[in-house]
């Protein structure tokens, strides 16, 4: 049965308009993005199949172009649309973050870093450079590595901090495994970076580790 034949309050688009996006399942949200199904399948049926094939929404959104386009009902045009939607989301979060003090809006900070880092299949080490009122100056991804780790150079972190005239820093990196628990290597590089930054009077506020659905804070764990 086509979605247009469903009761109005069960159609994803009408349901979203009446009850808000939070009332929709992942499949219903994806169906709105897809707009149409394929022969023999509604957009919701196709969305469920895609989520099952990719083992969830996060993996589908993080898929590269080749993987994405191999899926039934998807192609380069849909991939371009999806990337545009994701980038708009990142830019919205960045604008929100730039308007606030990160210490009074920790959830916005985490949401932004999750949006930037969670989808990478390899480790990426990034910095949020802050002014003396803890407002965001800039976000930069400084180092990239394999799935096993990234080589982080304290001298480069200090150099970029001075270049931005930063007064404080929040470090972040992702764990492609999806597990946000800090490793001994994470704790060791955090101590090295904190010591290096203290030499030039820059405060290290936190080091956040982004997993598939959670974020660990080394400051909250007592490692900073």
Protein backbone atom coordinates (compact mmCIF):
# COMPACT_ATOMS: atom_id res chain seq x y z
CA UNK A 1 0.00 0.00 0.00
CA UNK A 2 1.33 3.45 -0.91
CA UNK A 3 1.93 5.88 1.94
CA UNK A 4 -0.66 8.22 0.42
CA UNK A 5 -3.26 5.52 1.14
CA UNK A 6 -2.37 5.39 4.84
CA UNK A 7 -4.45 7.19 7.46
CA UNK A 8 -3.29 10.81 7.60
CA UNK A 9 -2.00 10.60 11.19
CA UNK A 10 0.23 7.63 10.26
CA UNK A 11 1.96 9.24 7.28
CA UNK A 12 5.50 10.35 8.27
CA UNK A 13 5.27 13.87 6.89
CA UNK A 14 1.86 14.62 8.40
CA UNK A 15 2.91 12.98 11.67
CA UNK A 16 5.98 15.22 11.85
CA UNK A 17 3.95 18.35 11.23
CA UNK A 18 1.35 17.41 13.84
CA UNK A 19 3.56 15.94 16.56
CA UNK A 20 7.10 17.14 15.83
CA UNK A 21 10.15 15.24 14.51
CA UNK A 22 10.83 13.60 17.86
CA UNK A 23 7.67 11.50 17.47
CA UNK A 24 9.03 9.76 14.36
CA UNK A 25 11.09 6.58 14.23
CA UNK A 26 14.42 6.46 12.39
CA UNK A 27 12.67 4.72 9.48
CA UNK A 28 9.97 7.40 9.29
CA UNK A 29 12.52 10.23 9.32
CA UNK A 30 14.56 8.49 6.62
CA UNK A 31 11.39 7.92 4.56
CA UNK A 32 10.74 11.68 4.50
CA UNK A 33 14.28 12.18 3.20
CA UNK A 34 13.87 9.44 0.56
CA UNK A 35 10.47 10.86 -0.51
CA UNK A 36 9.64 7.81 -2.66
CA UNK A 37 10.10 4.07 -2.44
CA UNK A 38 10.88 1.55 -5.15
CA UNK A 39 8.55 -0.82 -7.02
CA UNK A 40 6.82 -3.01 -4.45
CA UNK A 41 8.07 -1.02 -1.43
CA UNK A 42 6.91 2.22 0.16
CA UNK A 43 9.44 4.80 1.30
CA UNK A 44 9.03 3.52 4.87
CA UNK A 45 9.60 -0.09 3.80
CA UNK A 46 12.71 0.97 1.87
CA UNK A 47 13.92 3.00 4.86
CA UNK A 48 13.57 -0.03 7.16
CA UNK A 49 15.49 -2.18 4.69
CA UNK A 50 18.30 0.39 4.45
CA UNK A 51 18.57 0.72 8.23
CA UNK A 52 18.75 -3.05 8.57
CA UNK A 53 21.34 -3.32 5.80
CA UNK A 54 23.57 -0.62 7.31
CA UNK A 55 22.91 -1.71 10.91
CA UNK A 56 21.42 1.59 11.98
CA UNK A 57 21.03 5.24 11.08
CA UNK A 58 24.50 6.29 12.22
CA UNK A 59 26.26 3.86 9.89
CA UNK A 60 24.05 4.88 6.96
CA UNK A 61 24.78 8.57 7.53
CA UNK A 62 28.52 7.87 7.83
CA UNK A 63 28.73 5.68 4.71
CA UNK A 64 31.05 6.82 1.93
CA UNK A 65 29.64 7.51 -1.51
CA UNK A 66 30.46 4.10 -2.98
CA UNK A 67 28.87 2.22 -0.07
CA UNK A 68 25.84 4.51 0.04
CA UNK A 69 25.15 4.24 -3.69
CA UNK A 70 25.28 0.44 -3.65
CA UNK A 71 22.09 0.41 -1.59
CA UNK A 72 18.74 -0.15 -3.29
CA UNK A 73 16.96 3.13 -4.08
CA UNK A 74 19.99 5.33 -3.42
CA UNK A 75 22.36 7.08 -5.80
CA UNK A 76 24.67 10.06 -6.24
CA UNK A 77 21.84 12.60 -6.09
CA UNK A 78 20.60 11.24 -2.74
CA UNK A 79 24.17 11.09 -1.44
CA UNK A 80 24.67 14.77 -2.34
CA UNK A 81 21.37 15.68 -0.66
CA UNK A 82 22.34 13.81 2.49
CA UNK A 83 25.76 15.43 2.70
CA UNK A 84 24.13 18.84 2.32
CA UNK A 85 21.68 18.06 5.15
CA UNK A 86 24.49 16.84 7.43
CA UNK A 87 26.63 19.90 6.71
CA UNK A 88 23.70 22.23 7.43
CA UNK A 89 23.30 20.48 10.78
CA UNK A 90 27.00 20.92 11.57
CA UNK A 91 26.90 24.61 10.62
CA UNK A 92 23.81 25.18 12.75
CA UNK A 93 25.53 23.61 15.76
CA UNK A 94 28.71 25.63 15.07
CA UNK A 95 26.75 28.90 14.98
CA UNK A 96 25.02 28.01 18.23
CA UNK A 97 28.35 27.18 19.83
CA UNK A 98 30.01 30.40 18.66
CA UNK A 99 27.25 32.41 20.33
CA UNK A 100 27.76 30.89 23.75
CA UNK A 101 30.27 30.24 26.50
CA UNK A 102 31.17 26.56 26.17
CA UNK A 103 31.28 26.10 29.93
CA UNK A 104 27.66 27.23 30.28
CA UNK A 105 26.52 25.09 27.33
CA UNK A 106 28.41 21.79 27.63
CA UNK A 107 25.67 19.87 25.80
CA UNK A 108 26.01 22.12 22.74
CA UNK A 109 29.76 21.51 22.80
CA UNK A 110 29.25 17.74 22.92
CA UNK A 111 26.58 17.80 20.24
CA UNK A 112 28.86 19.77 17.93
CA UNK A 113 31.87 17.52 18.48
CA UNK A 114 29.74 14.40 18.03
CA UNK A 115 28.42 15.77 14.73
CA UNK A 116 31.95 16.53 13.55
CA UNK A 117 33.80 13.43 14.69
CA UNK A 118 31.51 10.46 15.21
CA UNK A 119 31.30 9.38 11.56
CA UNK A 120 34.99 9.06 10.75
CA UNK A 121 36.31 5.51 10.12
CA UNK A 122 39.74 6.59 11.41
CA UNK A 123 40.90 8.61 14.40
CA UNK A 124 40.77 12.39 14.11
CA UNK A 125 42.23 14.68 16.77
CA UNK A 126 40.68 18.15 16.99
CA UNK A 127 40.89 21.31 19.07
CA UNK A 128 38.34 23.91 20.09
CA UNK A 129 40.30 27.13 20.60
CA UNK A 130 38.69 29.47 23.15
CA UNK A 131 39.16 33.08 24.21
CA UNK A 132 39.52 34.24 27.81
CA UNK A 133 35.72 34.20 28.23
CA UNK A 134 35.62 30.62 26.95
CA UNK A 135 33.90 31.57 23.71
CA UNK A 136 34.85 29.58 20.63
CA UNK A 137 37.47 31.15 18.38
CA UNK A 138 37.88 28.24 15.99
CA UNK A 139 37.57 24.48 15.56
CA UNK A 140 40.40 22.66 13.81
CA UNK A 141 41.12 19.03 13.02
CA UNK A 142 44.88 18.81 13.45
CA UNK A 143 45.79 15.13 13.16
CA UNK A 144 44.36 12.12 11.38
CA UNK A 145 45.37 8.53 11.81
CA UNK A 146 44.40 4.96 11.22
CA UNK A 147 41.71 3.09 13.13
CA UNK A 148 44.40 2.34 15.74
CA UNK A 149 45.38 5.89 16.58
CA UNK A 150 46.69 9.28 15.48
CA UNK A 151 50.12 10.78 16.07
CA UNK A 152 49.56 13.92 18.12
CA UNK A 153 52.36 16.48 18.29
CA UNK A 154 52.21 18.86 21.30
CA UNK A 155 54.38 21.44 19.54
CA UNK A 156 51.81 21.78 16.73
CA UNK A 157 48.94 22.10 19.22
CA UNK A 158 50.82 24.88 21.02
CA UNK A 159 51.68 26.58 17.72
CA UNK A 160 48.06 26.62 16.54
CA UNK A 161 46.89 27.82 19.96
CA UNK A 162 49.27 30.77 19.85
CA UNK A 163 48.29 31.49 16.26
CA UNK A 164 44.66 31.83 17.36
CA UNK A 165 45.64 33.78 20.49
CA UNK A 166 43.70 31.19 22.47
CA UNK A 167 43.42 31.44 26.24
CA UNK A 168 42.02 27.95 26.69
CA UNK A 169 41.48 24.71 24.80
CA UNK A 170 39.17 21.74 24.61
CA UNK A 171 40.68 18.70 22.94
CA UNK A 172 38.61 16.02 21.25
CA UNK A 173 39.12 12.87 19.26
CA UNK A 174 36.98 9.98 18.13
CA UNK A 175 37.25 6.25 18.69
CA UNK A 176 36.19 4.52 15.45
CA UNK A 177 35.47 1.38 17.50
CA UNK A 178 32.52 3.29 18.96
CA UNK A 179 33.70 2.80 22.54
CA UNK A 180 34.32 6.15 24.23
CA UNK A 181 36.38 4.84 27.15
CA UNK A 182 39.80 6.58 27.28
CA UNK A 183 42.89 4.47 26.77
CA UNK A 184 46.17 4.81 28.65
CA UNK A 185 47.60 6.47 25.53
CA UNK A 186 44.74 9.03 25.62
CA UNK A 187 45.54 9.84 29.23
CA UNK A 188 49.28 10.08 28.52
CA UNK A 189 48.93 12.49 25.59
CA UNK A 190 46.51 14.59 27.63
CA UNK A 191 49.11 15.00 30.37
CA UNK A 192 51.80 15.92 27.80
CA UNK A 193 49.56 18.48 26.12
CA UNK A 194 48.48 20.02 29.41
CA UNK A 195 52.11 20.45 30.46
CA UNK A 196 53.08 21.95 27.09
CA UNK A 197 50.16 24.40 27.12
CA UNK A 198 50.86 25.49 30.70
CA UNK A 199 54.30 26.69 29.57
CA UNK A 200 52.57 29.34 27.44
CA UNK A 201 49.76 30.08 29.96
CA UNK A 202 46.99 28.32 28.02
CA UNK A 203 44.49 26.32 30.06
CA UNK A 204 43.43 22.84 29.00
CA UNK A 205 39.78 22.58 30.06
CA UNK A 206 38.91 19.10 28.85
CA UNK A 207 39.67 16.25 26.48
CA UNK A 208 36.52 14.66 25.08
CA UNK A 209 36.45 11.22 23.47
CA UNK A 210 33.65 10.66 20.97
CA UNK A 211 32.21 7.17 20.59
CA UNK A 212 29.29 5.96 18.53
CA UNK A 213 26.65 7.23 20.93
CA UNK A 214 28.46 8.58 23.97
CA UNK A 215 31.24 10.99 24.91
CA UNK A 216 33.75 10.58 27.71
CA UNK A 217 35.27 13.59 29.47
CA UNK A 218 38.76 13.24 30.93
CA UNK A 219 38.05 16.27 33.13
CA UNK A 220 35.02 14.52 34.61
CA UNK A 221 37.09 11.38 35.10
CA UNK A 222 39.68 13.36 37.07
CA UNK A 223 42.48 13.11 34.48
CA UNK A 224 42.80 16.89 33.98
